[in-house]
């Protein structure tokens, strides 16, 4: 059976009501699903939850549970880490879990630099903040990831290497030794916190990335370090819930993975993984 704890709906930039995702989860034979709308950020953000929407969001999820008795349904948020502004620890109550992500790296001209926006926005921020030095920009991205893990740790780390989404346009190769060093430092920080790393398929099915977040070579190192992983699609439509799960599980099993972390009865548990998911 599949599980997915990274989903978005009408409360942020997802499409469709929560109930549509639950119906699709049943159709897909899922047993575990979590909702993780983008948490409110105290500056203009088109894809974030509105400031006063959180109580309604949590109440709606709770109210739908009785109608779906075969599903374990969990309340979460995807929360940005921006030093001095927001972090996963700011939402330590009222949720079943948190996903921590880095979407913004520093700022220029009074605007926070959104690293997974358009290629044009990426190039503007890279030039204004880092003088077109991609190494400095990516190093800062991973510094922020480690700072989040240290100061405001989430339950799940979202799309670890998402900064690669636009960086190919500026002649960056992830085989470079300095990049591998940043990854290694970050993975060691993850292991110290026992944070779950999500394997995110959204870049694949949207054709924005040639591989999952994180890349297979990073997943090989994660396996060696015995860091727990969970599988997600970062769904923004109900039909996204299990997109690319089959090929991704085949890749994970080829690396050696035989377990996935799943939120089961409110606790993250390692559950056996086969080509059809977990808990069969």
Protein backbone atom coordinates (compact mmCIF):
# COMPACT_ATOMS: atom_id res chain seq x y z
CA UNK A 1 0.00 0.00 0.00
CA UNK A 2 1.20 3.50 -0.78
CA UNK A 3 1.51 6.37 1.68
CA UNK A 4 2.09 10.07 1.04
CA UNK A 5 2.67 12.79 3.62
CA UNK A 6 3.52 15.69 1.30
CA UNK A 7 0.32 16.99 -0.28
CA UNK A 8 -1.14 20.41 -1.05
CA UNK A 9 -4.76 21.43 -1.52
CA UNK A 10 -6.98 24.48 -1.89
CA UNK A 11 -5.69 26.03 1.34
CA UNK A 12 -2.42 26.91 -0.42
CA UNK A 13 -1.36 26.35 -4.03
CA UNK A 14 -2.88 22.90 -4.38
CA UNK A 15 -5.93 22.32 -6.55
CA UNK A 16 -9.10 20.84 -5.17
CA UNK A 17 -10.64 20.28 -1.75
CA UNK A 18 -9.19 17.92 0.82
CA UNK A 19 -12.03 15.43 0.29
CA UNK A 20 -11.00 14.93 -3.34
CA UNK A 21 -7.55 13.81 -2.19
CA UNK A 22 -9.09 11.36 0.25
CA UNK A 23 -11.31 9.87 -2.44
CA UNK A 24 -8.33 9.49 -4.72
CA UNK A 25 -6.33 7.91 -1.88
CA UNK A 26 -9.04 5.26 -1.53
CA UNK A 27 -9.09 4.66 -5.28
CA UNK A 28 -5.31 4.23 -5.28
CA UNK A 29 -5.43 1.73 -2.41
CA UNK A 30 -3.59 3.96 0.03
CA UNK A 31 -3.71 3.49 3.78
CA UNK A 32 -1.80 6.53 5.06
CA UNK A 33 -2.09 10.15 3.93
CA UNK A 34 -0.95 13.43 5.40
CA UNK A 35 -1.82 16.98 4.43
CA UNK A 36 0.98 19.54 4.39
CA UNK A 37 -0.20 22.87 3.04
CA UNK A 38 2.41 25.61 2.86
CA UNK A 39 2.42 27.47 6.17
CA UNK A 40 1.72 31.18 6.20
CA UNK A 41 4.77 33.40 5.69
CA UNK A 42 4.69 37.01 7.00
CA UNK A 43 5.40 38.59 3.62
CA UNK A 44 3.63 38.35 0.24
CA UNK A 45 3.52 34.75 -0.98
CA UNK A 46 1.17 33.51 -3.69
CA UNK A 47 1.50 29.83 -2.81
CA UNK A 48 1.21 29.99 1.00
CA UNK A 49 -1.74 29.55 3.31
CA UNK A 50 -3.55 32.73 4.32
CA UNK A 51 -2.80 34.01 7.81
CA UNK A 52 -6.20 33.16 9.31
CA UNK A 53 -6.87 29.88 7.43
CA UNK A 54 -5.01 27.46 9.71
CA UNK A 55 -7.89 26.72 12.16
CA UNK A 56 -10.27 25.95 9.28
CA UNK A 57 -7.67 23.77 7.59
CA UNK A 58 -7.05 21.69 10.70
CA UNK A 59 -10.74 21.44 11.54
CA UNK A 60 -11.67 20.34 8.02
CA UNK A 61 -9.12 17.53 8.06
CA UNK A 62 -10.38 16.37 11.44
CA UNK A 63 -14.04 16.51 10.39
CA UNK A 64 -13.40 14.30 7.34
CA UNK A 65 -11.77 11.44 9.24
CA UNK A 66 -15.00 9.60 10.22
CA UNK A 67 -16.01 9.34 6.56
CA UNK A 68 -12.79 7.51 5.64
CA UNK A 69 -12.33 4.84 8.32
CA UNK A 70 -9.83 2.77 6.28
CA UNK A 71 -7.44 5.71 5.93
CA UNK A 72 -5.05 7.01 8.55
CA UNK A 73 -5.27 10.78 8.00
CA UNK A 74 -2.72 13.19 9.45
CA UNK A 75 -2.47 16.96 9.88
CA UNK A 76 0.78 18.62 8.89
CA UNK A 77 2.30 21.69 7.29
CA UNK A 78 5.21 22.32 4.98
CA UNK A 79 7.06 25.10 6.79
CA UNK A 80 9.80 27.27 5.41
CA UNK A 81 12.91 28.06 7.36
CA UNK A 82 13.92 31.71 7.09
CA UNK A 83 16.22 32.80 9.95
CA UNK A 84 14.53 35.22 12.31
CA UNK A 85 11.22 34.93 10.44
CA UNK A 86 9.82 31.39 10.42
CA UNK A 87 10.76 27.79 11.08
CA UNK A 88 9.15 24.40 11.71
CA UNK A 89 9.41 24.81 15.48
CA UNK A 90 6.98 27.73 15.26
CA UNK A 91 4.26 25.13 14.62
CA UNK A 92 5.16 22.64 17.31
CA UNK A 93 1.57 22.20 18.53
CA UNK A 94 -1.67 21.27 16.81
CA UNK A 95 0.01 19.16 14.11
CA UNK A 96 0.83 15.49 13.72
CA UNK A 97 4.06 16.26 11.86
CA UNK A 98 6.04 18.99 10.11
CA UNK A 99 7.92 19.13 6.83
CA UNK A 100 10.78 21.63 6.79
CA UNK A 101 11.85 23.10 3.46
CA UNK A 102 14.12 25.78 2.06
CA UNK A 103 12.43 27.80 -0.69
CA UNK A 104 14.11 31.16 0.05
CA UNK A 105 17.82 32.00 0.24
CA UNK A 106 18.61 35.48 1.56
CA UNK A 107 17.16 38.57 -0.15
CA UNK A 108 17.78 41.36 -2.66
CA UNK A 109 16.02 44.66 -3.32
CA UNK A 110 13.78 43.97 -0.35
CA UNK A 111 12.59 40.60 -1.72
CA UNK A 112 13.39 37.12 -0.48
CA UNK A 113 15.05 35.07 -3.22
CA UNK A 114 12.81 32.15 -4.19
CA UNK A 115 15.20 29.52 -5.51
CA UNK A 116 12.58 27.30 -7.19
CA UNK A 117 10.66 30.04 -8.95
CA UNK A 118 11.29 30.82 -12.63
CA UNK A 119 14.71 30.64 -14.23
CA UNK A 120 14.58 34.42 -14.58
CA UNK A 121 14.03 34.93 -10.85
CA UNK A 122 16.82 32.44 -10.13
CA UNK A 123 19.26 34.32 -12.32
CA UNK A 124 18.28 37.68 -10.82
CA UNK A 125 18.89 36.52 -7.27
CA UNK A 126 22.09 34.73 -8.18
CA UNK A 127 23.48 37.91 -9.72
CA UNK A 128 22.23 40.35 -7.07
CA UNK A 129 23.14 38.36 -3.95
CA UNK A 130 26.01 36.12 -5.00
CA UNK A 131 27.52 37.95 -8.02
CA UNK A 132 26.71 34.95 -10.22
CA UNK A 133 28.81 32.62 -8.07
CA UNK A 134 26.73 29.45 -8.08
CA UNK A 135 29.02 27.77 -5.58
CA UNK A 136 28.38 30.49 -3.01
CA UNK A 137 24.63 30.35 -3.62
CA UNK A 138 24.34 26.59 -3.27
CA UNK A 139 26.66 26.54 -0.27
CA UNK A 140 24.36 29.07 1.39
CA UNK A 141 21.33 26.90 0.59
CA UNK A 142 22.85 23.95 2.41
CA UNK A 143 24.06 26.16 5.26
CA UNK A 144 20.42 27.19 5.78
CA UNK A 145 19.32 23.57 5.65
CA UNK A 146 21.77 22.68 8.39
CA UNK A 147 20.77 25.73 10.42
CA UNK A 148 17.13 24.61 10.24
CA UNK A 149 18.09 21.12 11.39
CA UNK A 150 19.99 22.60 14.32
CA UNK A 151 17.67 25.41 15.43
CA UNK A 152 14.19 24.45 14.22
CA UNK A 153 14.22 20.79 13.23
CA UNK A 154 11.23 19.33 11.35
CA UNK A 155 10.03 15.74 11.42
CA UNK A 156 10.62 15.42 7.67
CA UNK A 157 13.15 17.23 5.50
CA UNK A 158 11.52 18.33 2.25
CA UNK A 159 13.12 18.00 -1.22
CA UNK A 160 16.72 18.11 0.03
CA UNK A 161 18.43 19.16 -3.21
CA UNK A 162 15.68 21.17 -4.85
CA UNK A 163 18.06 24.01 -5.63
CA UNK A 164 19.21 21.89 -8.58
CA UNK A 165 15.90 22.73 -10.31
CA UNK A 166 17.33 25.92 -11.85
CA UNK A 167 21.06 25.55 -11.29
CA UNK A 168 21.71 23.51 -14.44
CA UNK A 169 21.31 26.77 -16.37
CA UNK A 170 24.44 28.20 -14.74
CA UNK A 171 26.87 25.37 -15.54
CA UNK A 172 26.70 23.55 -12.23
CA UNK A 173 27.55 19.84 -11.99
CA UNK A 174 26.64 17.86 -8.89
CA UNK A 175 29.77 15.73 -9.30
CA UNK A 176 31.97 18.64 -8.20
CA UNK A 177 33.89 17.91 -5.01
CA UNK A 178 32.77 21.02 -3.15
CA UNK A 179 29.13 20.10 -3.78
CA UNK A 180 29.63 16.55 -2.57
CA UNK A 181 31.25 17.98 0.56
CA UNK A 182 28.18 20.17 1.26
CA UNK A 183 25.90 17.16 0.81
CA UNK A 184 28.02 15.07 3.16
CA UNK A 185 27.96 17.74 5.88
CA UNK A 186 24.20 18.08 5.50
CA UNK A 187 23.57 14.34 5.67
CA UNK A 188 25.58 14.10 8.87
CA UNK A 189 23.43 16.87 10.35
CA UNK A 190 20.32 14.94 9.33
CA UNK A 191 21.60 11.76 10.95
CA UNK A 192 22.33 13.58 14.20
CA UNK A 193 18.70 14.73 14.36
CA UNK A 194 17.21 11.43 13.17
CA UNK A 195 15.14 13.45 10.72
CA UNK A 196 13.24 11.56 8.02
CA UNK A 197 14.29 12.48 4.47
CA UNK A 198 11.54 12.52 1.89
CA UNK A 199 12.09 11.01 -1.54
CA UNK A 200 10.09 13.48 -3.62
CA UNK A 201 8.88 12.55 -7.12
CA UNK A 202 7.38 15.91 -8.17
CA UNK A 203 10.31 16.98 -10.33
CA UNK A 204 10.01 13.74 -12.29
CA UNK A 205 6.35 13.81 -13.19
CA UNK A 206 6.41 17.53 -13.91
CA UNK A 207 9.53 16.99 -16.04
CA UNK A 208 11.46 19.63 -14.11
CA UNK A 209 14.18 17.23 -12.98
CA UNK A 210 15.77 14.12 -14.42
CA UNK A 211 15.67 12.47 -11.00
CA UNK A 212 13.98 12.51 -7.63
CA UNK A 213 14.78 14.97 -4.88
CA UNK A 214 17.27 13.92 -3.63
CA UNK A 215 19.24 12.45 -6.52
CA UNK A 216 19.91 8.69 -6.56
CA UNK A 217 23.60 9.10 -5.68
CA UNK A 218 22.58 11.05 -2.57
CA UNK A 219 20.06 8.34 -1.71
CA UNK A 220 22.87 5.80 -1.91
CA UNK A 221 24.77 7.75 0.73
CA UNK A 222 21.61 8.18 2.82
CA UNK A 223 21.23 4.39 2.72
CA UNK A 224 24.83 3.90 3.86
CA UNK A 225 24.26 6.31 6.77
CA UNK A 226 21.02 4.49 7.73
CA UNK A 227 18.98 7.69 7.59
CA UNK A 228 15.22 6.97 7.40
CA UNK A 229 13.33 7.92 4.25
CA UNK A 230 9.69 8.36 3.30
CA UNK A 231 8.17 8.48 -0.18
CA UNK A 232 6.09 11.45 -1.34
CA UNK A 233 4.86 13.07 -4.53
CA UNK A 234 4.47 16.66 -3.28
CA UNK A 235 0.97 16.39 -4.75
CA UNK A 236 -0.79 19.56 -5.91
CA UNK A 237 -3.67 17.69 -7.58
CA UNK A 238 -5.47 14.57 -6.33
CA UNK A 239 -4.25 12.58 -9.32
CA UNK A 240 -0.64 13.35 -8.29
CA UNK A 241 -0.81 11.23 -5.13
CA UNK A 242 1.18 8.24 -6.38
CA UNK A 243 2.85 9.71 -9.47
CA UNK A 244 6.16 7.97 -10.31
CA UNK A 245 6.00 5.82 -7.17
CA UNK A 246 6.51 2.51 -8.99
CA UNK A 247 9.74 3.47 -10.81
CA UNK A 248 11.03 5.29 -7.73
CA UNK A 249 10.51 2.28 -5.48
CA UNK A 250 12.30 0.12 -8.04
CA UNK A 251 15.23 2.54 -7.87
CA UNK A 252 15.19 2.52 -4.05
CA UNK A 253 15.11 -1.26 -3.89
CA UNK A 254 18.00 -1.44 -6.34
CA UNK A 255 20.02 0.74 -3.95
CA UNK A 256 19.14 -1.63 -1.12
CA UNK A 257 16.20 -0.05 0.66
CA UNK A 258 13.76 -2.50 2.20
CA UNK A 259 11.97 -0.13 4.59
CA UNK A 260 10.15 3.21 4.42
CA UNK A 261 9.24 5.48 7.32
CA UNK A 262 5.48 5.80 7.62
CA UNK A 263 3.38 7.70 10.14
CA UNK A 264 1.45 4.81 11.67
CA UNK A 265 -0.85 5.31 14.66
CA UNK A 266 0.79 8.69 15.14
CA UNK A 267 4.38 7.39 15.27
CA UNK A 268 7.02 7.30 12.53
CA UNK A 269 7.73 3.61 11.99
CA UNK A 270 9.98 1.67 9.65
CA UNK A 271 7.72 -0.53 7.54
CA UNK A 272 8.74 -3.24 5.04
CA UNK A 273 8.94 -2.01 1.44
CA UNK A 274 8.26 -4.06 -1.66
CA UNK A 275 7.55 -3.00 -5.24
CA UNK A 276 3.94 -2.24 -4.32
CA UNK A 277 4.60 -0.08 -1.28
CA UNK A 278 4.43 -0.92 2.41
CA UNK A 279 2.25 -2.86 4.86
CA UNK A 280 0.85 -5.41 2.42
